[in-house]
Amino acid sequence: MKLSTILKSAAATLVLAAVAGSANAATSNFTASATVVAPIAVTTGTNLSFGGIIASASAGTVVIDAAGARSTTGGATASGGTVSAASFNVTGAPSTAYNITLPASANISSGGDNMSVAFAAATHLTGGSTARTLTAGGTDTFNLGGTVSVGANQAAGSYSGTFTMTVNY
């Protein structure tokens, strides 16, 4: 008889514990949400053009600023031709901040001859900063100039090269 009393007592304790635990429980509902934003995209409007350059016995540079103005230093002389900063059109999520990653430098080539082109946000990029924000309409436009290094007695030729500029949220 003692065993059945112990079992009854244990069962009663378990029932009381379950009832007591339920008396202190509470629930709450919640929602989960997500917003899928438009992917960022960029297209080139105008390509960068340094125009005509006359090389001399001294090295020099030709600079195109973000507004498309050309200046020279050292032994490089401007000589007509089409001059322009590159222009880019960006689209994406309205009023969203994004960053521009510029190429550090690269070469333009004519046959086996090269000239180095460098890009610096402070002097070559509209607004002087790589941090930008899309408009409320989800668009932005900016220009990018560059500096080409012209070697002493640089060989004549039509120099060109392809560069990659990246935009990202």
N, C-alpha and C. Protein backbone atom coordinates (compact mmCIF):
# COMPACT_ATOMS: atom_id res chain seq x y z
N MET A 1 0.79 -1.18 0.00
CA MET A 1 0.00 0.00 0.00
C MET A 1 0.84 1.26 0.00
N LYS A 2 1.94 1.16 0.61
CA LYS A 2 2.79 2.34 0.61
C LYS A 2 3.20 2.73 -0.81
N LEU A 3 3.46 1.77 -1.68
CA LEU A 3 3.88 2.06 -3.04
C LEU A 3 2.78 2.79 -3.80
N SER A 4 1.51 2.37 -3.63
CA SER A 4 0.43 3.05 -4.35
C SER A 4 0.22 4.44 -3.80
N THR A 5 0.45 4.68 -2.53
CA THR A 5 0.33 6.01 -1.96
C THR A 5 1.42 6.92 -2.50
N ILE A 6 2.60 6.39 -2.60
CA ILE A 6 3.72 7.18 -3.14
C ILE A 6 3.45 7.53 -4.61
N LEU A 7 2.94 6.58 -5.39
CA LEU A 7 2.65 6.84 -6.80
C LEU A 7 1.55 7.88 -6.96
N LYS A 8 0.48 7.78 -6.12
CA LYS A 8 -0.60 8.75 -6.18
C LYS A 8 -0.09 10.14 -5.81
N SER A 9 0.76 10.18 -4.81
CA SER A 9 1.31 11.46 -4.38
C SER A 9 2.18 12.09 -5.48
N ALA A 10 2.99 11.27 -6.16
CA ALA A 10 3.86 11.76 -7.24
C ALA A 10 3.03 12.26 -8.42
N ALA A 11 1.96 11.54 -8.77
CA ALA A 11 1.08 11.93 -9.87
C ALA A 11 0.40 13.25 -9.55
N ALA A 12 -0.05 13.41 -8.32
CA ALA A 12 -0.70 14.66 -7.92
C ALA A 12 0.28 15.83 -8.00
N THR A 13 1.53 15.60 -7.61
CA THR A 13 2.55 16.65 -7.67
C THR A 13 2.80 17.08 -9.11
N LEU A 14 2.87 16.10 -10.03
CA LEU A 14 3.08 16.42 -11.45
C LEU A 14 1.93 17.22 -12.03
N VAL A 15 0.69 16.87 -11.67
CA VAL A 15 -0.47 17.59 -12.17
C VAL A 15 -0.45 19.03 -11.66
N LEU A 16 -0.13 19.21 -10.37
CA LEU A 16 -0.07 20.54 -9.81
C LEU A 16 1.03 21.38 -10.47
N ALA A 17 2.18 20.76 -10.73
CA ALA A 17 3.27 21.48 -11.38
C ALA A 17 2.88 21.91 -12.79
N ALA A 18 2.19 21.06 -13.54
CA ALA A 18 1.77 21.40 -14.89
C ALA A 18 0.76 22.53 -14.87
N VAL A 19 -0.20 22.47 -13.92
CA VAL A 19 -1.21 23.51 -13.81
C VAL A 19 -0.56 24.83 -13.38
N ALA A 20 0.36 24.78 -12.43
CA ALA A 20 1.03 25.98 -11.96
C ALA A 20 1.86 26.61 -13.08
N GLY A 21 2.55 25.79 -13.89
CA GLY A 21 3.35 26.31 -15.00
C GLY A 21 2.48 26.97 -16.05
N SER A 22 1.33 26.40 -16.34
CA SER A 22 0.43 26.97 -17.33
C SER A 22 -0.15 28.29 -16.86
N ALA A 23 -0.32 28.44 -15.60
CA ALA A 23 -0.89 29.67 -15.07
C ALA A 23 0.05 30.86 -15.28
N ASN A 24 1.35 30.62 -15.48
CA ASN A 24 2.32 31.70 -15.65
C ASN A 24 2.75 31.89 -17.11
N ALA A 25 2.21 31.13 -18.05
CA ALA A 25 2.60 31.23 -19.46
C ALA A 25 1.84 32.35 -20.16
N ALA A 26 2.47 32.97 -21.12
CA ALA A 26 1.82 33.99 -21.95
C ALA A 26 2.37 33.88 -23.36
N THR A 27 1.62 34.30 -24.34
CA THR A 27 2.07 34.24 -25.73
C THR A 27 1.96 35.61 -26.37
N SER A 28 2.67 35.80 -27.46
CA SER A 28 2.60 37.03 -28.23
C SER A 28 2.85 36.70 -29.69
N ASN A 29 2.12 37.31 -30.55
CA ASN A 29 2.32 37.13 -31.99
C ASN A 29 3.22 38.23 -32.52
N PHE A 30 3.97 37.94 -33.55
CA PHE A 30 4.81 38.94 -34.20
C PHE A 30 4.82 38.69 -35.69
N THR A 31 5.24 39.69 -36.45
CA THR A 31 5.32 39.55 -37.90
C THR A 31 6.77 39.66 -38.35
N ALA A 32 7.05 39.14 -39.48
CA ALA A 32 8.35 39.28 -40.12
C ALA A 32 8.13 39.97 -41.45
N SER A 33 9.09 40.81 -41.86
CA SER A 33 8.94 41.50 -43.13
C SER A 33 10.30 41.63 -43.80
N ALA A 34 10.28 41.90 -45.08
CA ALA A 34 11.51 42.13 -45.85
C ALA A 34 11.16 43.06 -47.00
N THR A 35 12.15 43.86 -47.40
CA THR A 35 11.98 44.75 -48.55
C THR A 35 13.07 44.41 -49.56
N VAL A 36 12.68 44.08 -50.74
CA VAL A 36 13.63 43.80 -51.81
C VAL A 36 13.82 45.11 -52.58
N VAL A 37 15.04 45.61 -52.62
CA VAL A 37 15.31 46.88 -53.29
C VAL A 37 15.76 46.62 -54.73
N ALA A 38 15.56 47.62 -55.54
CA ALA A 38 15.99 47.53 -56.94
C ALA A 38 17.51 47.39 -56.99
N PRO A 39 18.03 46.52 -57.84
CA PRO A 39 19.48 46.40 -57.95
C PRO A 39 20.07 47.68 -58.52
N ILE A 40 21.28 48.00 -58.12
CA ILE A 40 21.95 49.18 -58.64
C ILE A 40 22.51 48.86 -60.03
N ALA A 41 22.44 49.83 -60.91
CA ALA A 41 22.95 49.65 -62.28
C ALA A 41 23.65 50.93 -62.71
N VAL A 42 24.63 50.79 -63.58
CA VAL A 42 25.35 51.95 -64.10
C VAL A 42 25.58 51.76 -65.60
N THR A 43 25.43 52.86 -66.34
CA THR A 43 25.72 52.85 -67.77
C THR A 43 26.64 54.03 -68.09
N THR A 44 27.45 53.87 -69.10
CA THR A 44 28.35 54.94 -69.54
C THR A 44 27.61 55.82 -70.54
N GLY A 45 27.63 57.13 -70.26
CA GLY A 45 27.03 58.08 -71.19
C GLY A 45 28.04 58.60 -72.20
N THR A 46 29.21 59.03 -71.70
CA THR A 46 30.28 59.57 -72.53
C THR A 46 31.59 58.96 -72.08
N ASN A 47 32.47 58.68 -73.01
CA ASN A 47 33.79 58.15 -72.67
C ASN A 47 34.79 59.27 -72.39
N LEU A 48 35.83 58.96 -71.63
CA LEU A 48 36.90 59.91 -71.31
C LEU A 48 37.77 60.12 -72.54
N SER A 49 38.01 61.39 -72.87
CA SER A 49 38.87 61.71 -74.01
C SER A 49 39.83 62.83 -73.64
N PHE A 50 41.12 62.58 -73.79
CA PHE A 50 42.14 63.58 -73.50
C PHE A 50 42.41 64.51 -74.68
N GLY A 51 41.85 64.21 -75.84
CA GLY A 51 42.06 65.04 -77.03
C GLY A 51 43.46 64.85 -77.60
N GLY A 52 43.87 65.79 -78.45
CA GLY A 52 45.20 65.74 -79.07
C GLY A 52 46.27 66.19 -78.08
N ILE A 53 47.42 65.50 -78.11
CA ILE A 53 48.54 65.81 -77.21
C ILE A 53 49.83 65.86 -78.03
N ILE A 54 50.63 66.88 -77.78
CA ILE A 54 51.97 66.95 -78.40
C ILE A 54 52.98 66.62 -77.31
N ALA A 55 53.78 65.58 -77.56
CA ALA A 55 54.84 65.20 -76.63
C ALA A 55 56.10 65.98 -76.97
N SER A 56 56.99 66.10 -75.98
CA SER A 56 58.26 66.79 -76.20
C SER A 56 59.39 65.97 -75.59
N ALA A 57 60.56 66.56 -75.51
CA ALA A 57 61.71 65.87 -74.91
C ALA A 57 61.56 65.74 -73.39
N SER A 58 60.53 66.40 -72.81
CA SER A 58 60.28 66.31 -71.36
C SER A 58 58.95 65.61 -71.11
N ALA A 59 58.90 64.79 -70.08
CA ALA A 59 57.65 64.14 -69.69
C ALA A 59 56.66 65.18 -69.19
N GLY A 60 55.37 64.85 -69.23
CA GLY A 60 54.33 65.75 -68.74
C GLY A 60 53.04 65.01 -68.48
N THR A 61 52.00 65.73 -68.14
CA THR A 61 50.69 65.12 -67.92
C THR A 61 49.62 65.96 -68.60
N VAL A 62 48.51 65.30 -68.87
CA VAL A 62 47.31 65.97 -69.34
C VAL A 62 46.21 65.56 -68.36
N VAL A 63 45.53 66.56 -67.80
CA VAL A 63 44.49 66.32 -66.80
C VAL A 63 43.14 66.75 -67.36
N ILE A 64 42.16 65.88 -67.21
CA ILE A 64 40.77 66.21 -67.51
C ILE A 64 40.04 66.20 -66.17
N ASP A 65 39.46 67.34 -65.78
CA ASP A 65 38.73 67.37 -64.50
C ASP A 65 37.30 66.87 -64.71
N ALA A 66 36.53 66.81 -63.62
CA ALA A 66 35.17 66.28 -63.70
C ALA A 66 34.26 67.09 -64.62
N ALA A 67 34.56 68.38 -64.80
CA ALA A 67 33.77 69.22 -65.69
C ALA A 67 34.17 69.06 -67.15
N GLY A 68 35.25 68.33 -67.40
CA GLY A 68 35.72 68.13 -68.77
C GLY A 68 36.75 69.14 -69.22
N ALA A 69 37.25 69.98 -68.31
CA ALA A 69 38.29 70.96 -68.66
C ALA A 69 39.65 70.27 -68.71
N ARG A 70 40.46 70.66 -69.68
CA ARG A 70 41.78 70.07 -69.86
C ARG A 70 42.86 71.03 -69.42
N SER A 71 43.89 70.48 -68.75
CA SER A 71 45.09 71.25 -68.40
C SER A 71 46.30 70.35 -68.62
N THR A 72 47.46 70.98 -68.77
CA THR A 72 48.69 70.21 -69.01
C THR A 72 49.79 70.66 -68.05
N THR A 73 50.76 69.76 -67.86
CA THR A 73 51.96 70.09 -67.08
C THR A 73 53.17 69.57 -67.82
N GLY A 74 54.34 70.09 -67.46
CA GLY A 74 55.60 69.59 -68.03
C GLY A 74 55.67 69.74 -69.53
N GLY A 75 56.18 68.70 -70.18
CA GLY A 75 56.42 68.75 -71.61
C GLY A 75 55.23 68.37 -72.47
N ALA A 76 54.05 68.14 -71.90
CA ALA A 76 52.85 67.81 -72.69
C ALA A 76 52.13 69.10 -73.07
N THR A 77 51.71 69.18 -74.34
CA THR A 77 50.98 70.34 -74.84
C THR A 77 49.66 69.88 -75.43
N ALA A 78 48.57 70.58 -75.10
CA ALA A 78 47.26 70.26 -75.67
C ALA A 78 47.23 70.67 -77.14
N SER A 79 46.57 69.84 -77.96
CA SER A 79 46.54 70.11 -79.39
C SER A 79 45.19 69.74 -79.99
N GLY A 80 44.15 70.48 -79.61
CA GLY A 80 42.82 70.26 -80.20
C GLY A 80 42.24 68.89 -79.90
N GLY A 81 41.37 68.45 -80.78
CA GLY A 81 40.72 67.15 -80.61
C GLY A 81 39.55 67.22 -79.64
N THR A 82 38.84 66.14 -79.53
CA THR A 82 37.70 66.04 -78.64
C THR A 82 38.16 65.82 -77.21
N VAL A 83 37.69 66.65 -76.31
CA VAL A 83 38.05 66.56 -74.89
C VAL A 83 36.77 66.37 -74.09
N SER A 84 36.74 65.34 -73.22
CA SER A 84 35.56 65.14 -72.37
C SER A 84 35.89 64.26 -71.18
N ALA A 85 35.21 64.56 -70.08
CA ALA A 85 35.22 63.65 -68.94
C ALA A 85 34.24 62.53 -69.28
N ALA A 86 34.44 61.37 -68.69
CA ALA A 86 33.48 60.29 -68.85
C ALA A 86 32.25 60.64 -68.02
N SER A 87 31.06 60.26 -68.48
CA SER A 87 29.85 60.49 -67.70
C SER A 87 29.15 59.15 -67.48
N PHE A 88 28.50 59.04 -66.32
CA PHE A 88 27.85 57.78 -65.94
C PHE A 88 26.46 58.07 -65.40
N ASN A 89 25.53 57.17 -65.69
CA ASN A 89 24.15 57.25 -65.21
C ASN A 89 23.91 56.05 -64.30
N VAL A 90 23.45 56.32 -63.07
CA VAL A 90 23.23 55.27 -62.09
C VAL A 90 21.74 55.20 -61.77
N THR A 91 21.20 53.99 -61.66
CA THR A 91 19.81 53.78 -61.24
C THR A 91 19.78 52.73 -60.14
N GLY A 92 18.75 52.85 -59.28
CA GLY A 92 18.61 51.88 -58.20
C GLY A 92 17.51 52.32 -57.25
N ALA A 93 17.60 51.87 -56.00
CA ALA A 93 16.59 52.15 -54.98
C ALA A 93 16.58 53.64 -54.65
N PRO A 94 15.42 54.28 -54.68
CA PRO A 94 15.33 55.71 -54.40
C PRO A 94 15.97 56.10 -53.05
N SER A 95 16.66 57.24 -53.07
CA SER A 95 17.26 57.84 -51.86
C SER A 95 18.24 56.92 -51.14
N THR A 96 18.87 56.02 -51.84
CA THR A 96 19.80 55.06 -51.23
C THR A 96 21.24 55.51 -51.46
N ALA A 97 22.04 55.41 -50.41
CA ALA A 97 23.47 55.73 -50.51
C ALA A 97 24.20 54.63 -51.28
N TYR A 98 25.19 55.04 -52.06
CA TYR A 98 26.03 54.07 -52.77
C TYR A 98 27.45 54.59 -52.85
N ASN A 99 28.36 53.72 -53.23
CA ASN A 99 29.78 54.08 -53.34
C ASN A 99 30.30 53.77 -54.74
N ILE A 100 31.27 54.56 -55.14
CA ILE A 100 31.94 54.37 -56.43
C ILE A 100 33.35 53.85 -56.16
N THR A 101 33.73 52.80 -56.86
CA THR A 101 35.10 52.30 -56.79
C THR A 101 35.77 52.62 -58.11
N LEU A 102 36.79 53.47 -58.04
CA LEU A 102 37.52 53.88 -59.24
C LEU A 102 38.69 52.96 -59.49
N PRO A 103 39.08 52.80 -60.76
CA PRO A 103 40.32 52.07 -61.01
C PRO A 103 41.49 52.90 -60.47
N ALA A 104 42.46 52.27 -59.86
CA ALA A 104 43.61 53.01 -59.32
C ALA A 104 44.39 53.65 -60.47
N SER A 105 44.76 52.86 -61.42
CA SER A 105 45.41 53.34 -62.63
C SER A 105 45.44 52.20 -63.63
N ALA A 106 45.69 52.55 -64.85
CA ALA A 106 45.76 51.56 -65.92
C ALA A 106 46.47 52.21 -67.09
N ASN A 107 46.66 51.44 -68.13
CA ASN A 107 47.35 51.96 -69.31
C ASN A 107 46.42 52.11 -70.49
N ILE A 108 46.69 53.13 -71.30
CA ILE A 108 46.12 53.19 -72.63
C ILE A 108 47.28 52.88 -73.57
N SER A 109 46.96 52.21 -74.67
CA SER A 109 48.01 51.69 -75.55
C SER A 109 47.79 52.04 -77.00
N SER A 110 48.91 52.11 -77.72
CA SER A 110 48.92 52.25 -79.16
C SER A 110 50.02 51.32 -79.65
N GLY A 111 49.61 50.20 -80.22
CA GLY A 111 50.62 49.20 -80.58
C GLY A 111 51.33 48.73 -79.32
N GLY A 112 52.64 48.82 -79.30
CA GLY A 112 53.42 48.43 -78.13
C GLY A 112 53.73 49.57 -77.18
N ASP A 113 53.21 50.75 -77.46
CA ASP A 113 53.49 51.92 -76.62
C ASP A 113 52.33 52.15 -75.63
N ASN A 114 52.67 52.58 -74.42
CA ASN A 114 51.67 52.77 -73.37
C ASN A 114 51.81 54.14 -72.72
N MET A 115 50.69 54.62 -72.17
CA MET A 115 50.68 55.77 -71.28
C MET A 115 49.80 55.39 -70.09
N SER A 116 50.24 55.76 -68.90
CA SER A 116 49.50 55.46 -67.68
C SER A 116 48.41 56.51 -67.44
N VAL A 117 47.22 56.04 -67.02
CA VAL A 117 46.12 56.92 -66.67
C VAL A 117 45.78 56.68 -65.21
N ALA A 118 45.70 57.75 -64.43
CA ALA A 118 45.36 57.65 -63.01
C ALA A 118 44.05 58.38 -62.73
N PHE A 119 43.34 57.89 -61.71
CA PHE A 119 42.05 58.48 -61.33
C PHE A 119 42.09 58.79 -59.83
N ALA A 120 41.69 60.00 -59.46
CA ALA A 120 41.62 60.40 -58.05
C ALA A 120 40.29 61.11 -57.82
N ALA A 121 39.54 60.63 -56.84
CA ALA A 121 38.20 61.19 -56.58
C ALA A 121 38.25 62.69 -56.35
N ALA A 122 39.20 63.16 -55.57
CA ALA A 122 39.24 64.58 -55.20
C ALA A 122 39.37 65.50 -56.41
N THR A 123 40.10 65.08 -57.43
CA THR A 123 40.33 65.96 -58.57
C THR A 123 39.58 65.55 -59.83
N HIS A 124 39.16 64.31 -59.92
CA HIS A 124 38.58 63.83 -61.17
C HIS A 124 37.09 63.49 -61.11
N LEU A 125 36.50 63.40 -59.93
CA LEU A 125 35.12 62.92 -59.79
C LEU A 125 34.18 64.07 -59.40
N THR A 126 33.00 64.12 -60.03
CA THR A 126 32.00 65.12 -59.68
C THR A 126 31.77 65.10 -58.17
N GLY A 127 31.87 66.25 -57.53
CA GLY A 127 31.66 66.33 -56.10
C GLY A 127 32.86 65.94 -55.26
N GLY A 128 33.89 65.34 -55.87
CA GLY A 128 35.12 65.01 -55.17
C GLY A 128 35.04 63.88 -54.17
N SER A 129 33.95 63.11 -54.17
CA SER A 129 33.80 62.02 -53.21
C SER A 129 33.20 60.79 -53.89
N THR A 130 33.62 59.62 -53.45
CA THR A 130 33.08 58.37 -53.99
C THR A 130 31.79 57.95 -53.29
N ALA A 131 31.41 58.64 -52.20
CA ALA A 131 30.15 58.36 -51.50
C ALA A 131 29.07 59.25 -52.07
N ARG A 132 28.00 58.65 -52.59
CA ARG A 132 26.94 59.41 -53.23
C ARG A 132 25.59 58.84 -52.80
N THR A 133 24.50 59.54 -53.16
CA THR A 133 23.15 59.08 -52.84
C THR A 133 22.26 59.25 -54.07
N LEU A 134 21.48 58.22 -54.36
CA LEU A 134 20.52 58.30 -55.46
C LEU A 134 19.42 59.29 -55.09
N THR A 135 18.82 59.92 -56.08
CA THR A 135 17.73 60.87 -55.86
C THR A 135 16.47 60.12 -55.40
N ALA A 136 15.44 60.87 -55.05
CA ALA A 136 14.15 60.28 -54.68
C ALA A 136 13.56 59.48 -55.84
N GLY A 137 13.99 59.80 -57.06
CA GLY A 137 13.56 59.06 -58.24
C GLY A 137 14.44 57.85 -58.53
N GLY A 138 15.48 57.62 -57.72
CA GLY A 138 16.35 56.45 -57.90
C GLY A 138 17.40 56.61 -58.98
N THR A 139 17.84 57.85 -59.25
CA THR A 139 18.84 58.08 -60.30
C THR A 139 19.97 58.98 -59.79
N ASP A 140 21.07 58.96 -60.50
CA ASP A 140 22.18 59.88 -60.25
C ASP A 140 23.04 59.90 -61.50
N THR A 141 23.73 60.99 -61.71
CA THR A 141 24.67 61.14 -62.83
C THR A 141 25.93 61.77 -62.28
N PHE A 142 27.08 61.27 -62.72
CA PHE A 142 28.34 61.89 -62.33
C PHE A 142 29.35 61.77 -63.46
N ASN A 143 30.38 62.62 -63.38
CA ASN A 143 31.46 62.64 -64.37
C ASN A 143 32.76 62.20 -63.74
N LEU A 144 33.64 61.65 -64.56
CA LEU A 144 34.96 61.21 -64.11
C LEU A 144 36.01 61.62 -65.13
N GLY A 145 36.96 62.41 -64.68
CA GLY A 145 38.10 62.77 -65.51
C GLY A 145 39.26 61.83 -65.20
N GLY A 146 40.48 62.26 -65.52
CA GLY A 146 41.66 61.44 -65.26
C GLY A 146 42.92 62.21 -65.61
N THR A 147 44.06 61.62 -65.27
CA THR A 147 45.36 62.20 -65.60
C THR A 147 46.16 61.18 -66.39
N VAL A 148 46.57 61.55 -67.60
CA VAL A 148 47.42 60.67 -68.40
C VAL A 148 48.86 61.19 -68.33
N SER A 149 49.77 60.26 -68.10
CA SER A 149 51.20 60.60 -68.04
C SER A 149 51.80 60.39 -69.42
N VAL A 150 52.34 61.48 -69.96
CA VAL A 150 52.93 61.46 -71.31
C VAL A 150 54.45 61.40 -71.14
N GLY A 151 55.05 60.36 -71.67
CA GLY A 151 56.49 60.19 -71.54
C GLY A 151 57.27 61.18 -72.41
N ALA A 152 58.52 61.37 -72.05
CA ALA A 152 59.41 62.18 -72.89
C ALA A 152 59.48 61.50 -74.26
N ASN A 153 59.30 62.28 -75.31
CA ASN A 153 59.33 61.75 -76.68
C ASN A 153 58.33 60.61 -76.87
N GLN A 154 57.17 60.69 -76.25
CA GLN A 154 56.14 59.66 -76.38
C GLN A 154 55.84 59.43 -77.86
N ALA A 155 55.77 58.17 -78.26
CA ALA A 155 55.52 57.83 -79.66
C ALA A 155 54.13 58.31 -80.10
N ALA A 156 54.04 58.82 -81.31
CA ALA A 156 52.76 59.24 -81.87
C ALA A 156 51.88 58.02 -82.08
N GLY A 157 50.58 58.19 -81.96
CA GLY A 157 49.65 57.09 -82.18
C GLY A 157 48.30 57.40 -81.56
N SER A 158 47.34 56.56 -81.83
CA SER A 158 46.00 56.68 -81.26
C SER A 158 45.93 55.70 -80.08
N TYR A 159 45.96 56.22 -78.87
CA TYR A 159 46.01 55.41 -77.65
C TYR A 159 44.60 55.19 -77.10
N SER A 160 44.34 53.99 -76.64
CA SER A 160 43.05 53.71 -76.01
C SER A 160 43.18 52.53 -75.05
N GLY A 161 42.20 52.40 -74.19
CA GLY A 161 42.16 51.31 -73.23
C GLY A 161 40.79 51.27 -72.58
N THR A 162 40.46 50.16 -71.97
CA THR A 162 39.18 49.99 -71.30
C THR A 162 39.41 49.90 -69.80
N PHE A 163 38.59 50.62 -69.05
CA PHE A 163 38.71 50.67 -67.59
C PHE A 163 37.39 50.23 -66.97
N THR A 164 37.44 49.74 -65.74
CA THR A 164 36.24 49.34 -65.03
C THR A 164 36.04 50.21 -63.81
N MET A 165 34.87 50.81 -63.73
CA MET A 165 34.46 51.60 -62.58
C MET A 165 33.24 50.87 -62.00
N THR A 166 33.17 50.75 -60.67
CA THR A 166 32.10 49.98 -60.04
C THR A 166 31.28 50.86 -59.11
N VAL A 167 29.96 50.63 -59.09
CA VAL A 167 29.08 51.26 -58.09
C VAL A 167 28.42 50.16 -57.29
N ASN A 168 28.25 50.39 -56.00
CA ASN A 168 27.59 49.39 -55.16
C ASN A 168 26.94 50.05 -53.94
N TYR A 169 25.86 49.39 -53.48
CA TYR A 169 25.17 49.86 -52.26
C TYR A 169 26.05 49.58 -51.07
